[in-house]
PDB file of N, CA and C in Angstrom:
ATOM      1  N   MET A   1     113.451  56.920 150.596  1.00  0.00           N
ATOM      2  CA  MET A   1     113.233  58.218 149.327  1.00  0.00           C
ATOM      3  C   MET A   1     114.308  59.220 149.310  1.00  0.00           C
ATOM      4  N   GLN A   2     114.953  59.026 148.168  1.00  0.00           N
ATOM      5  CA  GLN A   2     115.894  60.065 147.737  1.00  0.00           C
ATOM      6  C   GLN A   2     115.696  61.389 147.717  1.00  0.00           C
ATOM      7  N   LYS A   3     116.261  62.356 148.010  1.00  0.00           N
ATOM      8  CA  LYS A   3     115.676  63.776 147.913  1.00  0.00           C
ATOM      9  C   LYS A   3     116.258  63.951 146.598  1.00  0.00           C
ATOM     10  N   GLN A   4     115.818  64.959 146.059  1.00  0.00           N
ATOM     11  CA  GLN A   4     115.655  65.574 144.801  1.00  0.00           C
ATOM     12  C   GLN A   4     116.086  66.860 144.720  1.00  0.00           C
ATOM     13  N   GLN A   5     117.696  66.869 144.083  1.00  0.00           N
ATOM     14  CA  GLN A   5     118.287  67.836 143.908  1.00  0.00           C
ATOM     15  C   GLN A   5     118.109  68.899 142.977  1.00  0.00           C
ATOM     16  N   LEU A   6     117.986  70.723 143.047  1.00  0.00           N
ATOM     17  CA  LEU A   6     117.892  70.955 141.853  1.00  0.00           C
ATOM     18  C   LEU A   6     118.925  71.157 141.012  1.00  0.00           C
ATOM     19  N   PRO A   7     118.347  71.594 139.601  1.00  0.00           N
ATOM     20  CA  PRO A   7     119.257  71.211 138.469  1.00  0.00           C
ATOM     21  C   PRO A   7     120.691  72.729 138.651  1.00  0.00           C
ATOM     22  N   THR A   8     122.018  72.070 138.654  1.00  0.00           N
ATOM     23  CA  THR A   8     122.664  73.290 138.345  1.00  0.00           C
ATOM     24  C   THR A   8     122.361  74.427 137.234  1.00  0.00           C
ATOM     25  N   SER A   9     123.667  75.512 137.267  1.00  0.00           N
ATOM     26  CA  SER A   9     123.383  76.230 136.250  1.00  0.00           C
ATOM     27  C   SER A   9     123.942  75.419 134.832  1.00  0.00           C
ATOM     28  N   THR A  10     124.925  74.580 135.124  1.00  0.00           N
ATOM     29  CA  THR A  10     125.274  74.237 133.590  1.00  0.00           C
ATOM     30  C   THR A  10     124.104  73.117 133.396  1.00  0.00           C
ATOM     31  N   GLU A  11     123.542  72.437 133.932  1.00  0.00           N
ATOM     32  CA  GLU A  11     122.102  71.966 133.684  1.00  0.00           C
ATOM     33  C   GLU A  11     121.239  72.133 132.995  1.00  0.00           C
ATOM     34  N   ASN A  12     121.020  73.748 133.592  1.00  0.00           N
ATOM     35  CA  ASN A  12     119.821  74.431 132.853  1.00  0.00           C
ATOM     36  C   ASN A  12     120.340  74.741 131.598  1.00  0.00           C
ATOM     37  N   GLN A  13     121.572  75.552 131.690  1.00  0.00           N
ATOM     38  CA  GLN A  13     122.258  75.511 130.021  1.00  0.00           C
ATOM     39  C   GLN A  13     121.888  74.443 128.846  1.00  0.00           C
ATOM     40  N   ASP A  14     122.336  73.353 129.756  1.00  0.00           N
ATOM     41  CA  ASP A  14     122.190  71.718 128.455  1.00  0.00           C
ATOM     42  C   ASP A  14     120.792  71.965 128.151  1.00  0.00           C
ATOM     43  N   LEU A  15     119.740  71.915 129.335  1.00  0.00           N
ATOM     44  CA  LEU A  15     118.126  72.177 129.017  1.00  0.00           C
ATOM     45  C   LEU A  15     118.011  72.940 128.044  1.00  0.00           C
ATOM     46  N   ASP A  16     118.171  74.235 128.298  1.00  0.00           N
ATOM     47  CA  ASP A  16     118.249  75.511 127.083  1.00  0.00           C
ATOM     48  C   ASP A  16     118.685  75.008 126.172  1.00  0.00           C
ATOM     49  N   GLU A  17     119.882  74.491 125.462  1.00  0.00           N
ATOM     50  CA  GLU A  17     120.136  74.157 124.538  1.00  0.00           C
ATOM     51  C   GLU A  17     119.895  73.543 123.658  1.00  0.00           C
ATOM     52  N   LEU A  18     119.132  72.274 124.224  1.00  0.00           N
ATOM     53  CA  LEU A  18     118.374  71.460 123.926  1.00  0.00           C
ATOM     54  C   LEU A  18     116.979  71.754 123.568  1.00  0.00           C
ATOM     55  N   LEU A  19     116.608  72.649 124.234  1.00  0.00           N
ATOM     56  CA  LEU A  19     115.304  73.281 123.521  1.00  0.00           C
ATOM     57  C   LEU A  19     115.187  74.141 122.333  1.00  0.00           C
ATOM     58  N   VAL A  20     116.488  74.819 122.588  1.00  0.00           N
ATOM     59  CA  VAL A  20     116.447  75.925 121.132  1.00  0.00           C
ATOM     60  C   VAL A  20     116.610  74.645 120.016  1.00  0.00           C
ATOM     61  N   ARG A  21     117.973  73.512 119.957  1.00  0.00           N
ATOM     62  CA  ARG A  21     118.033  73.000 118.998  1.00  0.00           C
ATOM     63  C   ARG A  21     116.889  72.009 118.464  1.00  0.00           C
ATOM     64  N   GLY A  22     115.916  71.522 119.418  1.00  0.00           N
ATOM     65  CA  GLY A  22     114.405  70.622 119.148  1.00  0.00           C
ATOM     66  C   GLY A  22     113.771  71.905 118.675  1.00  0.00           C
ATOM     67  N   CYS A  23     113.648  73.084 118.913  1.00  0.00           N
ATOM     68  CA  CYS A  23     112.724  74.020 118.271  1.00  0.00           C
ATOM     69  C   CYS A  23     112.695  74.279 116.929  1.00  0.00           C
ATOM     70  N   ASN A  24     114.194  73.938 116.626  1.00  0.00           N
ATOM     71  CA  ASN A  24     115.059  74.549 115.409  1.00  0.00           C
ATOM     72  C   ASN A  24     114.788  73.617 114.387  1.00  0.00           C
ATOM     73  N   TRP A  25     114.550  72.235 114.698  1.00  0.00           N
ATOM     74  CA  TRP A  25     114.635  71.155 114.023  1.00  0.00           C
ATOM     75  C   TRP A  25     113.494  71.015 113.776  1.00  0.00           C
ATOM     76  N   VAL A  26     111.925  71.178 114.465  1.00  0.00           N
ATOM     77  CA  VAL A  26     110.868  71.222 114.311  1.00  0.00           C
ATOM     78  C   VAL A  26     109.966  72.319 113.854  1.00  0.00           C
ATOM     79  N   ARG A  27     110.701  73.627 113.829  1.00  0.00           N
ATOM     80  CA  ARG A  27     109.721  74.717 113.533  1.00  0.00           C
ATOM     81  C   ARG A  27     109.091  74.656 112.506  1.00  0.00           C
ATOM     82  N   ASP A  28     109.539  74.265 111.308  1.00  0.00           N
ATOM     83  CA  ASP A  28     108.897  74.545 109.722  1.00  0.00           C
ATOM     84  C   ASP A  28     107.972  73.479 109.789  1.00  0.00           C
ATOM     85  N   TYR A  29     108.217  72.146 110.412  1.00  0.00           N
ATOM     86  CA  TYR A  29     106.820  71.297 110.827  1.00  0.00           C
ATOM     87  C   TYR A  29     105.499  71.805 111.211  1.00  0.00           C
ATOM     88  N   LEU A  30     106.482  72.164 112.409  1.00  0.00           N
ATOM     89  CA  LEU A  30     105.008  72.816 112.923  1.00  0.00           C
ATOM     90  C   LEU A  30     104.243  74.281 112.369  1.00  0.00           C
ATOM     91  N   GLU A  31     104.847  75.095 111.836  1.00  0.00           N
ATOM     92  CA  GLU A  31     104.183  76.251 110.896  1.00  0.00           C
ATOM     93  C   GLU A  31     103.718  75.941 109.661  1.00  0.00           C
ATOM     94  N   ASN A  32     103.803  74.857 109.091  1.00  0.00           N
ATOM     95  CA  ASN A  32     103.832  74.338 108.165  1.00  0.00           C
ATOM     96  C   ASN A  32     102.778  73.080 107.566  1.00  0.00           C
ATOM     97  N   ASN A  33     102.697  72.599 108.384  1.00  0.00           N
ATOM     98  CA  ASN A  33     101.995  70.892 108.021  1.00  0.00           C
ATOM     99  C   ASN A  33     100.499  71.202 108.703  1.00  0.00           C
ATOM    100  N   PRO A  34      99.600  71.026 107.540  1.00  0.00           N
ATOM    101  CA  PRO A  34      98.056  71.379 107.442  1.00  0.00           C
ATOM    102  C   PRO A  34      97.678  70.415 108.699  1.00  0.00           C
ATOM    103  N   GLU A  35      97.975  69.272 109.053  1.00  0.00           N
ATOM    104  CA  GLU A  35      97.950  68.375 110.188  1.00  0.00           C
ATOM    105  C   GLU A  35      97.911  68.737 111.583  1.00  0.00           C
ATOM    106  N   VAL A  36      98.763  69.843 111.650  1.00  0.00           N
ATOM    107  CA  VAL A  36      99.370  70.103 113.347  1.00  0.00           C
ATOM    108  C   VAL A  36      97.824  71.031 113.533  1.00  0.00           C
ATOM    109  N   ASN A  37      97.698  71.344 114.518  1.00  0.00           N
ATOM    110  CA  ASN A  37      96.772  71.892 115.011  1.00  0.00           C
ATOM    111  C   ASN A  37      97.170  73.313 115.562  1.00  0.00           C
ATOM    112  N   GLU A  38      96.256  74.357 115.486  1.00  0.00           N
ATOM    113  CA  GLU A  38      96.812  75.631 115.361  1.00  0.00           C
ATOM    114  C   GLU A  38      97.612  76.071 116.642  1.00  0.00           C
ATOM    115  N   SER A  39      96.732  75.243 117.666  1.00  0.00           N
ATOM    116  CA  SER A  39      97.364  75.420 119.166  1.00  0.00           C
ATOM    117  C   SER A  39      99.015  75.316 119.367  1.00  0.00           C
ATOM    118  N   ASP A  40      99.057  74.204 118.587  1.00  0.00           N
ATOM    119  CA  ASP A  40     100.732  73.714 118.460  1.00  0.00           C
ATOM    120  C   ASP A  40     101.559  74.580 117.532  1.00  0.00           C
ATOM    121  N   ARG A  41     101.493  74.985 116.844  1.00  0.00           N
ATOM    122  CA  ARG A  41     101.936  75.853 115.661  1.00  0.00           C
ATOM    123  C   ARG A  41     102.934  76.943 116.791  1.00  0.00           C
ATOM    124  N   THR A  42     102.450  77.175 117.708  1.00  0.00           N
ATOM    125  CA  THR A  42     103.354  78.233 118.520  1.00  0.00           C
ATOM    126  C   THR A  42     104.044  77.710 119.635  1.00  0.00           C
ATOM    127  N   LEU A  43     104.363  76.354 119.750  1.00  0.00           N
ATOM    128  CA  LEU A  43     104.792  76.006 120.602  1.00  0.00           C
ATOM    129  C   LEU A  43     106.416  76.393 120.748  1.00  0.00           C
ATOM    130  N   CYS A  44     107.370  76.538 119.825  1.00  0.00           N
ATOM    131  CA  CYS A  44     108.069  77.361 119.714  1.00  0.00           C
ATOM    132  C   CYS A  44     108.335  78.599 119.903  1.00  0.00           C
ATOM    133  N   ASN A  45     107.474  79.214 119.503  1.00  0.00           N
ATOM    134  CA  ASN A  45     107.637  80.662 119.784  1.00  0.00           C
ATOM    135  C   ASN A  45     108.785  81.689 120.715  1.00  0.00           C
ATOM    136  N   ASP A  46     108.573  80.663 121.997  1.00  0.00           N
ATOM    137  CA  ASP A  46     109.127  81.650 123.149  1.00  0.00           C
ATOM    138  C   ASP A  46     110.385  81.096 123.265  1.00  0.00           C
ATOM    139  N   ILE A  47     111.144  80.029 122.270  1.00  0.00           N
ATOM    140  CA  ILE A  47     112.146  79.251 122.452  1.00  0.00           C
ATOM    141  C   ILE A  47     113.013  80.261 121.222  1.00  0.00           C
ATOM    142  N   ILE A  48     114.235  80.711 122.045  1.00  0.00           N
ATOM    143  CA  ILE A  48     114.856  81.745 120.913  1.00  0.00           C
ATOM    144  C   ILE A  48     116.426  81.046 120.460  1.00  0.00           C
ATOM    145  N   ASP A  49     116.966  81.109 119.349  1.00  0.00           N
ATOM    146  CA  ASP A  49     117.791  80.466 118.820  1.00  0.00           C
ATOM    147  C   ASP A  49     119.314  81.846 119.257  1.00  0.00           C
ATOM    148  N   ASN A  50     120.054  81.549 120.351  1.00  0.00           N
ATOM    149  CA  ASN A  50     121.008  82.346 121.121  1.00  0.00           C
ATOM    150  C   ASN A  50     122.232  82.064 120.156  1.00  0.00           C
ATOM    151  N   GLY A  51     122.319  80.943 119.178  1.00  0.00           N
ATOM    152  CA  GLY A  51     123.525  80.534 119.062  1.00  0.00           C
ATOM    153  C   GLY A  51     123.745  81.272 117.979  1.00  0.00           C
TER     154      GLY A  51
END
């Protein structure tokens, strides 16, 4: 069994950027689609676009 390594600083930045891009892409859908559960509407509220 191989020991799992912690992500590097660069990998964390890449993940953060991917989260921002994904939330920017889906934010309008989450906030406005009547079929989305109320609890899911705020999934991206803590993801801030720093770009």
